[in-house]
Amino acid sequence: VMSLASEVITSFTPQVIFGMFGGFVGGIYGINKKGYDVKVSLILIFTAVVAGSAISEVLQKKFGLTYLLPLCLISIPAGAFSGYLMVALDIVSPKFAAQVAEKIGEKVVENIDK
């Protein structure tokens, strides 16, 4: 158990944390104008944070980028993309977008209840 906790803690480098923040800012920006309900908004923000941290981790490990501010700024569009993805789904098929949001919400609630 201790090794898992220490591995999780060490994976949150400053670069990943700044990437998460950039993803969060981008996610807020991406969903801001649409007015989703709380459940969908939280799912999209979580997705944006994961996208931002993933981008910053790849840039750090593969390309050696260690500067925090550029990683944060590069992660913002990645986070915004997750919000815009739902908007695009909503434009193409509002009924399908509602079904996707409902299914994802149900899965998240099921996993939290376990």
N, C-alpha and C. Protein backbone atom coordinates (compact mmCIF):
# COMPACT_ATOMS: atom_id res chain seq x y z
N VAL A 1 0.83 -1.20 0.00
CA VAL A 1 0.00 0.00 0.00
C VAL A 1 0.87 1.26 0.00
N MET A 2 1.94 1.22 0.80
CA MET A 2 2.80 2.39 0.90
C MET A 2 3.50 2.68 -0.43
N SER A 3 3.87 1.64 -1.17
CA SER A 3 4.57 1.87 -2.43
C SER A 3 3.62 2.50 -3.45
N LEU A 4 2.35 2.12 -3.43
CA LEU A 4 1.38 2.72 -4.34
C LEU A 4 1.20 4.20 -4.01
N ALA A 5 1.09 4.51 -2.73
CA ALA A 5 0.92 5.91 -2.33
C ALA A 5 2.14 6.74 -2.70
N SER A 6 3.32 6.19 -2.47
CA SER A 6 4.53 6.94 -2.81
C SER A 6 4.68 7.10 -4.32
N GLU A 7 4.25 6.11 -5.08
CA GLU A 7 4.30 6.22 -6.54
C GLU A 7 3.35 7.29 -7.05
N VAL A 8 2.16 7.35 -6.47
CA VAL A 8 1.19 8.37 -6.86
C VAL A 8 1.72 9.76 -6.52
N ILE A 9 2.29 9.90 -5.33
CA ILE A 9 2.81 11.20 -4.91
C ILE A 9 3.95 11.66 -5.80
N THR A 10 4.85 10.75 -6.15
CA THR A 10 5.99 11.14 -6.98
C THR A 10 5.60 11.41 -8.42
N SER A 11 4.46 10.90 -8.87
CA SER A 11 4.04 11.16 -10.25
C SER A 11 3.48 12.57 -10.42
N PHE A 12 3.12 13.22 -9.33
CA PHE A 12 2.62 14.60 -9.40
C PHE A 12 3.79 15.57 -9.30
N THR A 13 4.56 15.63 -10.38
CA THR A 13 5.68 16.58 -10.45
C THR A 13 5.10 17.99 -10.61
N PRO A 14 5.88 19.00 -10.37
CA PRO A 14 5.38 20.37 -10.61
C PRO A 14 4.89 20.57 -12.04
N GLN A 15 5.55 19.93 -12.99
CA GLN A 15 5.13 20.05 -14.38
C GLN A 15 3.73 19.47 -14.59
N VAL A 16 3.46 18.32 -13.99
CA VAL A 16 2.14 17.70 -14.11
C VAL A 16 1.08 18.55 -13.40
N ILE A 17 1.43 19.08 -12.24
CA ILE A 17 0.47 19.92 -11.50
C ILE A 17 0.12 21.18 -12.30
N PHE A 18 1.13 21.82 -12.91
CA PHE A 18 0.85 22.99 -13.74
C PHE A 18 0.05 22.60 -14.98
N GLY A 19 0.30 21.42 -15.52
CA GLY A 19 -0.50 20.93 -16.64
C GLY A 19 -1.94 20.69 -16.24
N MET A 20 -2.14 20.17 -15.03
CA MET A 20 -3.50 19.97 -14.53
C MET A 20 -4.21 21.31 -14.37
N PHE A 21 -3.48 22.30 -13.86
CA PHE A 21 -4.08 23.62 -13.70
C PHE A 21 -4.45 24.22 -15.05
N GLY A 22 -3.56 24.08 -16.03
CA GLY A 22 -3.86 24.57 -17.38
C GLY A 22 -5.07 23.88 -17.97
N GLY A 23 -5.14 22.56 -17.78
CA GLY A 23 -6.31 21.82 -18.25
C GLY A 23 -7.59 22.27 -17.56
N PHE A 24 -7.49 22.54 -16.26
CA PHE A 24 -8.64 23.03 -15.50
C PHE A 24 -9.13 24.37 -16.05
N VAL A 25 -8.19 25.29 -16.27
CA VAL A 25 -8.55 26.61 -16.81
C VAL A 25 -9.18 26.46 -18.19
N GLY A 26 -8.57 25.63 -19.03
CA GLY A 26 -9.14 25.40 -20.36
C GLY A 26 -10.50 24.75 -20.31
N GLY A 27 -10.68 23.82 -19.38
CA GLY A 27 -11.99 23.16 -19.24
C GLY A 27 -13.07 24.13 -18.80
N ILE A 28 -12.74 25.00 -17.86
CA ILE A 28 -13.69 26.03 -17.43
C ILE A 28 -14.07 26.92 -18.61
N TYR A 29 -13.06 27.32 -19.38
CA TYR A 29 -13.31 28.16 -20.55
C TYR A 29 -14.16 27.43 -21.58
N GLY A 30 -13.88 26.14 -21.79
CA GLY A 30 -14.60 25.37 -22.81
C GLY A 30 -16.06 25.15 -22.48
N ILE A 31 -16.41 25.03 -21.21
CA ILE A 31 -17.80 24.76 -20.85
C ILE A 31 -18.54 26.00 -20.36
N ASN A 32 -17.85 27.10 -20.25
CA ASN A 32 -18.41 28.30 -19.62
C ASN A 32 -19.67 28.81 -20.31
N LYS A 33 -19.70 28.83 -21.61
CA LYS A 33 -20.79 29.49 -22.32
C LYS A 33 -21.99 28.59 -22.55
N LYS A 34 -21.84 27.29 -22.34
CA LYS A 34 -22.91 26.37 -22.70
C LYS A 34 -23.95 26.20 -21.60
N GLY A 35 -23.57 26.29 -20.36
CA GLY A 35 -24.54 26.17 -19.27
C GLY A 35 -24.95 24.74 -18.98
N TYR A 36 -23.98 23.82 -18.92
CA TYR A 36 -24.29 22.43 -18.58
C TYR A 36 -24.68 22.32 -17.12
N ASP A 37 -25.36 21.22 -16.79
CA ASP A 37 -25.68 21.00 -15.39
C ASP A 37 -24.40 20.59 -14.65
N VAL A 38 -24.49 20.50 -13.35
CA VAL A 38 -23.31 20.30 -12.52
C VAL A 38 -22.62 18.97 -12.84
N LYS A 39 -23.40 17.92 -13.04
CA LYS A 39 -22.83 16.59 -13.28
C LYS A 39 -21.98 16.58 -14.56
N VAL A 40 -22.53 17.09 -15.63
CA VAL A 40 -21.80 17.12 -16.91
C VAL A 40 -20.60 18.05 -16.81
N SER A 41 -20.77 19.18 -16.14
CA SER A 41 -19.65 20.13 -15.98
C SER A 41 -18.49 19.50 -15.23
N LEU A 42 -18.78 18.78 -14.16
CA LEU A 42 -17.71 18.13 -13.39
C LEU A 42 -17.01 17.06 -14.20
N ILE A 43 -17.76 16.31 -14.98
CA ILE A 43 -17.16 15.28 -15.84
C ILE A 43 -16.23 15.92 -16.86
N LEU A 44 -16.70 17.00 -17.50
CA LEU A 44 -15.89 17.68 -18.50
C LEU A 44 -14.65 18.33 -17.89
N ILE A 45 -14.79 18.88 -16.71
CA ILE A 45 -13.62 19.49 -16.06
C ILE A 45 -12.61 18.41 -15.66
N PHE A 46 -13.10 17.29 -15.17
CA PHE A 46 -12.20 16.18 -14.84
C PHE A 46 -11.45 15.71 -16.09
N THR A 47 -12.18 15.58 -17.20
CA THR A 47 -11.55 15.20 -18.46
C THR A 47 -10.52 16.22 -18.89
N ALA A 48 -10.81 17.49 -18.71
CA ALA A 48 -9.88 18.56 -19.08
C ALA A 48 -8.61 18.50 -18.22
N VAL A 49 -8.77 18.23 -16.94
CA VAL A 49 -7.61 18.13 -16.04
C VAL A 49 -6.73 16.95 -16.44
N VAL A 50 -7.35 15.83 -16.76
CA VAL A 50 -6.59 14.65 -17.19
C VAL A 50 -5.86 14.94 -18.50
N ALA A 51 -6.54 15.60 -19.44
CA ALA A 51 -5.91 15.93 -20.73
C ALA A 51 -4.73 16.88 -20.52
N GLY A 52 -4.91 17.88 -19.69
CA GLY A 52 -3.83 18.82 -19.43
C GLY A 52 -2.63 18.17 -18.78
N SER A 53 -2.87 17.29 -17.82
CA SER A 53 -1.75 16.62 -17.16
C SER A 53 -1.06 15.65 -18.10
N ALA A 54 -1.83 14.99 -18.95
CA ALA A 54 -1.23 14.05 -19.91
C ALA A 54 -0.33 14.78 -20.90
N ILE A 55 -0.81 15.91 -21.40
CA ILE A 55 0.00 16.69 -22.36
C ILE A 55 1.29 17.15 -21.70
N SER A 56 1.19 17.67 -20.49
CA SER A 56 2.41 18.18 -19.85
C SER A 56 3.38 17.05 -19.52
N GLU A 57 2.85 15.89 -19.15
CA GLU A 57 3.74 14.76 -18.86
C GLU A 57 4.47 14.28 -20.11
N VAL A 58 3.77 14.24 -21.23
CA VAL A 58 4.41 13.84 -22.48
C VAL A 58 5.47 14.86 -22.88
N LEU A 59 5.14 16.14 -22.78
CA LEU A 59 6.10 17.17 -23.15
C LEU A 59 7.33 17.14 -22.23
N GLN A 60 7.11 16.82 -20.99
CA GLN A 60 8.23 16.75 -20.05
C GLN A 60 9.10 15.52 -20.32
N LYS A 61 8.48 14.36 -20.43
CA LYS A 61 9.26 13.12 -20.53
C LYS A 61 9.83 12.89 -21.92
N LYS A 62 9.06 13.19 -22.96
CA LYS A 62 9.53 12.90 -24.32
C LYS A 62 10.39 14.01 -24.89
N PHE A 63 10.04 15.26 -24.61
CA PHE A 63 10.74 16.38 -25.22
C PHE A 63 11.60 17.17 -24.24
N GLY A 64 11.56 16.81 -22.97
CA GLY A 64 12.41 17.45 -21.98
C GLY A 64 12.01 18.86 -21.60
N LEU A 65 10.77 19.24 -21.87
CA LEU A 65 10.29 20.58 -21.50
C LEU A 65 9.99 20.60 -20.00
N THR A 66 10.73 21.43 -19.26
CA THR A 66 10.54 21.45 -17.81
C THR A 66 10.05 22.80 -17.30
N TYR A 67 9.93 23.78 -18.17
CA TYR A 67 9.46 25.10 -17.74
C TYR A 67 7.97 25.03 -17.42
N LEU A 68 7.60 25.56 -16.28
CA LEU A 68 6.24 25.39 -15.78
C LEU A 68 5.21 26.22 -16.54
N LEU A 69 5.51 27.49 -16.76
CA LEU A 69 4.53 28.36 -17.41
C LEU A 69 4.19 27.91 -18.83
N PRO A 70 5.16 27.56 -19.67
CA PRO A 70 4.78 27.06 -21.00
C PRO A 70 3.95 25.78 -20.94
N LEU A 71 4.26 24.89 -20.00
CA LEU A 71 3.45 23.68 -19.86
C LEU A 71 2.02 24.01 -19.48
N CYS A 72 1.86 24.97 -18.59
CA CYS A 72 0.52 25.40 -18.19
C CYS A 72 -0.22 26.00 -19.37
N LEU A 73 0.44 26.86 -20.12
CA LEU A 73 -0.20 27.52 -21.26
C LEU A 73 -0.54 26.54 -22.37
N ILE A 74 0.32 25.57 -22.60
CA ILE A 74 0.06 24.56 -23.64
C ILE A 74 -1.10 23.66 -23.23
N SER A 75 -1.29 23.45 -21.95
CA SER A 75 -2.36 22.58 -21.46
C SER A 75 -3.74 23.23 -21.53
N ILE A 76 -3.79 24.53 -21.60
CA ILE A 76 -5.10 25.22 -21.64
C ILE A 76 -5.93 24.80 -22.86
N PRO A 77 -5.37 24.80 -24.08
CA PRO A 77 -6.19 24.36 -25.22
C PRO A 77 -6.61 22.90 -25.12
N ALA A 78 -5.77 22.06 -24.51
CA ALA A 78 -6.16 20.66 -24.33
C ALA A 78 -7.38 20.56 -23.42
N GLY A 79 -7.41 21.37 -22.39
CA GLY A 79 -8.57 21.37 -21.50
C GLY A 79 -9.80 21.95 -22.17
N ALA A 80 -9.60 23.00 -22.95
CA ALA A 80 -10.74 23.63 -23.64
C ALA A 80 -11.34 22.67 -24.66
N PHE A 81 -10.50 21.82 -25.24
CA PHE A 81 -10.99 20.87 -26.24
C PHE A 81 -12.05 19.95 -25.66
N SER A 82 -11.89 19.53 -24.43
CA SER A 82 -12.88 18.62 -23.84
C SER A 82 -14.24 19.30 -23.71
N GLY A 83 -14.25 20.58 -23.38
CA GLY A 83 -15.52 21.30 -23.33
C GLY A 83 -16.12 21.48 -24.70
N TYR A 84 -15.27 21.80 -25.67
CA TYR A 84 -15.77 22.00 -27.04
C TYR A 84 -16.20 20.69 -27.68
N LEU A 85 -15.62 19.58 -27.25
CA LEU A 85 -16.04 18.29 -27.79
C LEU A 85 -17.51 18.03 -27.46
N MET A 86 -17.92 18.36 -26.24
CA MET A 86 -19.32 18.18 -25.87
C MET A 86 -20.21 19.15 -26.65
N VAL A 87 -19.73 20.36 -26.88
CA VAL A 87 -20.49 21.32 -27.68
C VAL A 87 -20.67 20.79 -29.09
N ALA A 88 -19.61 20.22 -29.66
CA ALA A 88 -19.70 19.67 -31.01
C ALA A 88 -20.70 18.51 -31.06
N LEU A 89 -20.66 17.65 -30.06
CA LEU A 89 -21.65 16.57 -30.00
C LEU A 89 -23.06 17.12 -29.90
N ASP A 90 -23.20 18.18 -29.12
CA ASP A 90 -24.52 18.79 -28.93
C ASP A 90 -25.03 19.41 -30.23
N ILE A 91 -24.14 19.98 -31.04
CA ILE A 91 -24.54 20.57 -32.31
C ILE A 91 -24.93 19.49 -33.31
N VAL A 92 -24.13 18.42 -33.39
CA VAL A 92 -24.39 17.36 -34.35
C VAL A 92 -25.67 16.61 -34.00
N SER A 93 -25.81 16.25 -32.74
CA SER A 93 -27.00 15.50 -32.32
C SER A 93 -27.27 15.77 -30.84
N PRO A 94 -28.18 16.70 -30.57
CA PRO A 94 -28.48 17.00 -29.16
C PRO A 94 -28.97 15.79 -28.37
N LYS A 95 -29.74 14.93 -29.02
CA LYS A 95 -30.26 13.74 -28.34
C LYS A 95 -29.11 12.80 -27.97
N PHE A 96 -28.19 12.59 -28.91
CA PHE A 96 -27.04 11.73 -28.65
C PHE A 96 -26.15 12.32 -27.56
N ALA A 97 -25.94 13.63 -27.58
CA ALA A 97 -25.12 14.28 -26.56
C ALA A 97 -25.73 14.10 -25.18
N ALA A 98 -27.04 14.21 -25.09
CA ALA A 98 -27.72 14.01 -23.80
C ALA A 98 -27.56 12.57 -23.33
N GLN A 99 -27.65 11.61 -24.28
CA GLN A 99 -27.48 10.21 -23.91
C GLN A 99 -26.06 9.94 -23.43
N VAL A 100 -25.07 10.51 -24.11
CA VAL A 100 -23.67 10.33 -23.72
C VAL A 100 -23.45 10.89 -22.31
N ALA A 101 -23.95 12.09 -22.07
CA ALA A 101 -23.78 12.73 -20.76
C ALA A 101 -24.46 11.89 -19.67
N GLU A 102 -25.62 11.36 -19.97
CA GLU A 102 -26.34 10.55 -18.98
C GLU A 102 -25.61 9.25 -18.69
N LYS A 103 -25.11 8.59 -19.74
CA LYS A 103 -24.38 7.34 -19.56
C LYS A 103 -23.10 7.56 -18.74
N ILE A 104 -22.35 8.60 -19.09
CA ILE A 104 -21.11 8.89 -18.36
C ILE A 104 -21.43 9.21 -16.91
N GLY A 105 -22.49 9.99 -16.70
CA GLY A 105 -22.89 10.32 -15.34
C GLY A 105 -23.26 9.10 -14.53
N GLU A 106 -23.99 8.17 -15.16
CA GLU A 106 -24.36 6.94 -14.46
C GLU A 106 -23.14 6.12 -14.09
N LYS A 107 -22.18 6.02 -15.01
CA LYS A 107 -20.96 5.24 -14.74
C LYS A 107 -20.16 5.86 -13.60
N VAL A 108 -20.07 7.19 -13.60
CA VAL A 108 -19.32 7.87 -12.54
C VAL A 108 -19.99 7.63 -11.19
N VAL A 109 -21.31 7.73 -11.15
CA VAL A 109 -22.04 7.51 -9.89
C VAL A 109 -21.89 6.07 -9.44
N GLU A 110 -21.94 5.12 -10.38
CA GLU A 110 -21.76 3.70 -10.02
C GLU A 110 -20.38 3.47 -9.41
N ASN A 111 -19.35 4.06 -10.02
CA ASN A 111 -17.99 3.87 -9.51
C ASN A 111 -17.79 4.55 -8.16
N ILE A 112 -18.44 5.65 -7.93
CA ILE A 112 -18.32 6.32 -6.64
C ILE A 112 -19.03 5.52 -5.55
N ASP A 113 -20.16 4.90 -5.89
CA ASP A 113 -20.93 4.14 -4.91
C ASP A 113 -20.24 2.85 -4.49
N LYS A 114 -19.31 2.35 -5.30
CA LYS A 114 -18.65 1.07 -4.98
C LYS A 114 -17.78 1.16 -3.78
